[in-house]
Amino acid sequence: MRNDIRGALIALPFLLLTAACSSDPAPPGAVTADEEQQLNEAAAMLEANSIRLDEVATTDGNVQ
């Protein structure tokens, strides 16, 4: 019986360490709030720098 307790005490820190490492609140591949904000800022910047094709059309109707 004493060996069972000793084995459990040896395994306990490893189990706690494993549980602590796997307690990630976001699933793998999920976008974090910070990443989402960066993506939104990049999209806004791209949209602000975009041009409309009808604004660059030549007089003969061809797009340059």
Protein backbone atom coordinates (compact mmCIF):
# COMPACT_ATOMS: atom_id res chain seq x y z
CA MET A 1 0.00 0.00 0.00
CA ARG A 2 2.87 2.35 0.78
CA ASN A 3 4.26 1.93 -2.75
CA ASP A 4 0.88 2.90 -4.21
CA ILE A 5 0.89 6.19 -2.30
CA ARG A 6 4.50 6.85 -3.24
CA GLY A 7 3.72 6.21 -6.92
CA ALA A 8 0.72 8.54 -6.77
CA LEU A 9 2.81 11.27 -5.16
CA ILE A 10 5.45 10.92 -7.86
CA ALA A 11 2.87 11.07 -10.66
CA LEU A 12 0.90 13.98 -9.18
CA PRO A 13 3.27 16.81 -10.23
CA PHE A 14 3.40 15.47 -13.79
CA LEU A 15 -0.38 15.28 -13.98
CA LEU A 16 -0.74 18.83 -12.67
CA LEU A 17 1.87 20.10 -15.11
CA THR A 18 0.13 18.40 -18.02
CA ALA A 19 -3.24 19.81 -16.98
CA ALA A 20 -1.79 23.31 -16.70
CA CYS A 21 -0.26 23.13 -20.16
CA SER A 22 -3.46 22.00 -21.82
CA SER A 23 -5.76 24.60 -20.30
CA ASP A 24 -5.68 26.85 -23.39
CA PRO A 25 -9.04 28.66 -23.58
CA ALA A 26 -8.91 29.12 -27.37
CA PRO A 27 -9.12 26.10 -29.68
CA PRO A 28 -6.19 25.53 -32.04
CA GLY A 29 -6.34 27.77 -35.07
CA ALA A 30 -8.68 30.28 -33.44
CA VAL A 31 -8.01 33.99 -33.88
CA THR A 32 -7.20 35.83 -30.67
CA ALA A 33 -8.71 39.23 -29.87
CA ASP A 34 -5.38 40.92 -30.61
CA GLU A 35 -5.06 39.16 -33.96
CA GLU A 36 -8.66 40.07 -34.83
CA GLN A 37 -7.94 43.74 -34.09
CA GLN A 38 -4.82 43.64 -36.27
CA LEU A 39 -6.77 42.04 -39.12
CA ASN A 40 -9.51 44.67 -38.86
CA GLU A 41 -6.93 47.48 -38.91
CA ALA A 42 -5.22 45.96 -41.96
CA ALA A 43 -8.55 45.62 -43.77
CA ALA A 44 -9.44 49.23 -43.01
CA MET A 45 -6.05 50.38 -44.28
CA LEU A 46 -6.43 48.39 -47.50
CA GLU A 47 -9.93 49.75 -48.03
CA ALA A 48 -8.76 53.32 -47.44
CA ASN A 49 -5.99 52.86 -50.03
CA SER A 50 -8.17 51.15 -52.62
CA ILE A 51 -9.34 52.83 -55.81
CA ARG A 52 -12.45 52.36 -57.90
CA LEU A 53 -11.84 51.00 -61.38
CA ASP A 54 -14.32 53.42 -62.95
CA GLU A 55 -12.21 56.29 -61.63
CA VAL A 56 -9.15 55.15 -63.62
CA ALA A 57 -10.96 54.29 -66.85
CA THR A 58 -9.65 56.03 -69.95
CA THR A 59 -11.85 58.04 -72.28
CA ASP A 60 -12.19 55.08 -74.67
CA GLY A 61 -13.56 52.89 -71.86
CA ASN A 62 -10.43 50.78 -71.33
CA VAL A 63 -9.07 50.35 -67.84
CA GLN A 64 -5.40 51.20 -67.40
